[in-house]
Structure formats: structure tokens, C-alpha cells
Amino acid sequence: MNAFLTMTEVLDVVAPAFELTPQDVRSRRQNLAIAAARTAFCGLAAEFTSRCDSEIARLLDRDLATVVAARKRHARTLKLDPTYQARVWEIRLRLGDMREDLNSENDALRAARRFVAAGPSPSFEELRAICSRLIHVETAFQELAFFQESTHG
């Protein structure tokens, strides 16, 4: 199952990529940096959340037509502007990592729930296996974070 991120999570990644705050992106200001960030947010929110355009518009305090136009502009700008394309690619990588983390956490939690819901209390060995899986997931997250820091830092 593919997990979806929240619009706030997407906004929290998009805004700093454009050297802005989430409040800047949601503001009524209209300079080029904010407009580019809003455009990216509209495109990426549609891609990484389960929210429709009207919900994206509501978060940004804009009308539906504005969000639809921003998504079209996002697709067009991705094809024509290499700088925008590189920035969006970096954002996509971060959002993809967040989604992977969420999927892994959900897998471990589902396994734990299956054992608990199975009826009788799980045996010591079953509990140990669950804990081992959760520790493995956490270790993988730590290794990924270290790898990203060492390659980007």
C-alpha cells in the first residue's frame, strides 16, 4: 500500500527548498520566489497527498481555478526550466523518502497488530521477532539519514 503524506508535510518540504517559510507560501504576497514555491506545492501536493485540488486551494486560501492553473504551470515549467526541474527533483526525493519511511512504519505496525489481534498473547519468540523488525526499520532509517548527510553534506 502506498502511503500518502499530508499537505502540511509537503508544504514543510517545499517552502525551505525555495528559501521560504510555509507561512510565506500561504501568504497573499506574489513575488517570483513565492509564486514558484506555490506552483511547486500545487503540483507536488497533488502527487504526494490524497487531496483534491479544492482542498489544496483551501489550504492556500485560493480558488480552485488558481490551483488548476498552477498545476498546469508546474508541468510546463518542469519541461522548460532546468533550475526549477532540479529543485523539484530534490523535493521529490525528500518526499519520496518520507513516504518510504511511512510505508515501513505501517508495515511494522501492521505486523505487530496481527500478532496482538491473533487471539492468545504472543509468545516471547514472536514478541522478539516483532521487536527485531522494529529495530531493523529504525536502524535502516538511521543508516539512510547518515548516507544522505554524507553524500549531500
Protein backbone atom coordinates (compact mmCIF):
# COMPACT_ATOMS: atom_id res chain seq x y z
CA MET A 1 0.00 0.00 0.00
CA ASN A 2 1.33 3.41 -0.90
CA ALA A 3 1.07 5.84 2.00
CA PHE A 4 0.08 9.44 1.40
CA LEU A 5 1.68 12.43 3.04
CA THR A 6 -0.30 15.33 4.47
CA MET A 7 -0.41 18.68 2.71
CA THR A 8 1.39 20.22 5.69
CA GLU A 9 4.24 17.72 5.33
CA VAL A 10 4.56 18.58 1.64
CA LEU A 11 4.46 22.31 2.38
CA ASP A 12 7.10 21.89 5.09
CA VAL A 13 9.48 20.40 2.49
CA VAL A 14 8.61 22.68 -0.45
CA ALA A 15 8.91 26.03 1.35
CA PRO A 16 12.53 25.66 2.59
CA ALA A 17 13.59 24.39 -0.84
CA PHE A 18 12.69 27.86 -2.11
CA GLU A 19 14.23 29.53 0.98
CA LEU A 20 10.77 30.42 2.29
CA THR A 21 8.59 29.52 5.24
CA PRO A 22 5.27 27.69 4.91
CA GLN A 23 3.62 30.95 6.00
CA ASP A 24 5.25 32.75 3.05
CA VAL A 25 3.82 30.21 0.61
CA ARG A 26 0.35 30.57 2.13
CA SER A 27 0.52 34.37 2.26
CA ARG A 28 -1.12 36.76 -0.19
CA ARG A 29 2.27 38.06 -1.39
CA GLN A 30 3.08 37.48 -5.05
CA ASN A 31 6.82 37.79 -5.67
CA LEU A 32 8.51 35.35 -8.07
CA ALA A 33 10.02 33.08 -5.39
CA ILE A 34 6.70 32.69 -3.60
CA ALA A 35 4.83 32.12 -6.87
CA ALA A 36 7.34 29.41 -7.88
CA ALA A 37 7.04 27.72 -4.47
CA ARG A 38 3.23 27.81 -4.66
CA THR A 39 3.36 26.33 -8.15
CA ALA A 40 5.64 23.52 -6.97
CA PHE A 41 3.48 22.92 -3.92
CA CYS A 42 0.31 22.59 -6.03
CA GLY A 43 1.95 20.05 -8.33
CA LEU A 44 3.63 18.05 -5.57
CA ALA A 45 0.63 18.12 -3.22
CA ALA A 46 -1.44 16.53 -5.97
CA GLU A 47 1.28 13.90 -6.45
CA PHE A 48 2.11 13.03 -2.83
CA THR A 49 -1.19 13.52 -0.97
CA SER A 50 -4.64 12.08 -1.38
CA ARG A 51 -6.15 15.58 -1.51
CA CYS A 52 -8.08 17.06 -4.42
CA ASP A 53 -7.45 20.45 -5.99
CA SER A 54 -10.21 22.13 -3.99
CA GLU A 55 -8.59 21.03 -0.71
CA ILE A 56 -5.22 22.32 -1.91
CA ALA A 57 -6.91 25.61 -2.80
CA ARG A 58 -8.49 25.82 0.64
CA LEU A 59 -5.11 25.32 2.36
CA LEU A 60 -3.59 28.12 0.27
CA ASP A 61 -6.69 30.32 0.60
CA ARG A 62 -7.01 30.45 -3.18
CA ASP A 63 -9.77 29.50 -5.58
CA LEU A 64 -9.90 26.23 -7.48
CA ALA A 65 -9.02 27.81 -10.85
CA THR A 66 -5.78 29.18 -9.36
CA VAL A 67 -4.69 25.72 -8.24
CA VAL A 68 -5.61 24.12 -11.56
CA ALA A 69 -3.61 26.81 -13.40
CA ALA A 70 -0.68 26.32 -11.00
CA ARG A 71 -0.62 22.57 -11.65
CA LYS A 72 -0.56 23.18 -15.42
CA ARG A 73 2.22 25.76 -14.95
CA HIS A 74 4.12 23.25 -12.78
CA ALA A 75 4.04 20.61 -15.54
CA ARG A 76 5.06 23.14 -18.19
CA THR A 77 7.85 24.67 -16.10
CA LEU A 78 9.28 21.23 -15.32
CA LYS A 79 9.82 20.74 -19.05
CA LEU A 80 11.27 24.18 -19.77
CA ASP A 81 13.28 25.30 -16.72
CA PRO A 82 16.25 23.12 -15.68
CA THR A 83 16.73 25.04 -12.40
CA TYR A 84 13.10 24.51 -11.40
CA GLN A 85 13.34 20.90 -12.54
CA ALA A 86 16.41 20.26 -10.33
CA ARG A 87 14.78 21.90 -7.32
CA VAL A 88 11.58 19.87 -7.75
CA TRP A 89 13.62 16.68 -8.22
CA GLU A 90 15.35 17.30 -4.88
CA ILE A 91 11.97 17.94 -3.21
CA ARG A 92 10.56 14.75 -4.75
CA LEU A 93 13.47 12.76 -3.33
CA ARG A 94 12.80 14.10 0.17
CA LEU A 95 9.06 13.49 -0.11
CA GLY A 96 9.68 10.01 -1.50
CA ASP A 97 11.93 9.22 1.47
CA MET A 98 9.21 10.42 3.84
CA ARG A 99 6.66 8.22 2.08
CA GLU A 100 9.01 5.21 2.25
CA ASP A 101 9.51 5.79 5.98
CA LEU A 102 5.75 5.93 6.43
CA ASN A 103 5.26 2.71 4.44
CA SER A 104 7.93 0.89 6.50
CA GLU A 105 6.43 2.09 9.78
CA ASN A 106 2.98 0.97 8.60
CA ASP A 107 4.33 -2.49 7.67
CA ALA A 108 5.89 -2.97 11.12
CA LEU A 109 2.78 -1.72 12.90
CA ARG A 110 0.52 -3.98 10.82
CA ALA A 111 2.71 -6.98 11.73
CA ALA A 112 2.51 -6.08 15.43
CA ARG A 113 -1.29 -5.65 15.23
CA ARG A 114 -1.68 -9.05 13.53
CA PHE A 115 0.10 -10.74 16.42
CA VAL A 116 -1.94 -8.89 19.03
CA ALA A 117 -5.24 -9.48 17.21
CA ALA A 118 -4.48 -13.17 16.66
CA GLY A 119 -6.04 -14.09 19.99
CA PRO A 120 -3.81 -15.51 22.68
CA SER A 121 -0.87 -13.42 23.80
CA PRO A 122 2.12 -13.74 21.50
CA SER A 123 4.96 -15.93 22.70
CA PHE A 124 8.29 -14.50 23.76
CA GLU A 125 9.79 -15.53 20.42
CA GLU A 126 7.01 -13.76 18.50
CA LEU A 127 7.49 -10.58 20.55
CA ARG A 128 11.24 -10.80 19.98
CA ALA A 129 10.66 -11.10 16.23
CA ILE A 130 8.40 -8.01 16.25
CA CYS A 131 10.95 -6.01 18.24
CA SER A 132 13.72 -7.16 15.94
CA ARG A 133 11.76 -5.97 12.89
CA LEU A 134 11.07 -2.58 14.50
CA ILE A 135 14.75 -2.20 15.45
CA HIS A 136 15.74 -3.17 11.89
CA VAL A 137 13.43 -0.48 10.47
CA GLU A 138 14.85 2.16 12.86
CA THR A 139 18.43 1.14 12.02
CA ALA A 140 17.67 1.39 8.31
CA PHE A 141 16.29 4.92 8.82
CA GLN A 142 19.42 5.94 10.73
CA GLU A 143 21.71 4.49 8.04
CA LEU A 144 19.75 6.25 5.30
CA ALA A 145 19.97 9.57 7.16
CA PHE A 146 23.73 9.12 7.64
CA PHE A 147 24.17 8.23 3.96
CA GLN A 148 22.18 11.28 2.85
CA GLU A 149 24.15 13.56 5.15
CA SER A 150 27.48 12.18 3.92
CA THR A 151 26.55 12.50 0.23
CA HIS A 152 24.86 15.92 0.47
CA GLY A 153 26.99 17.49 3.19
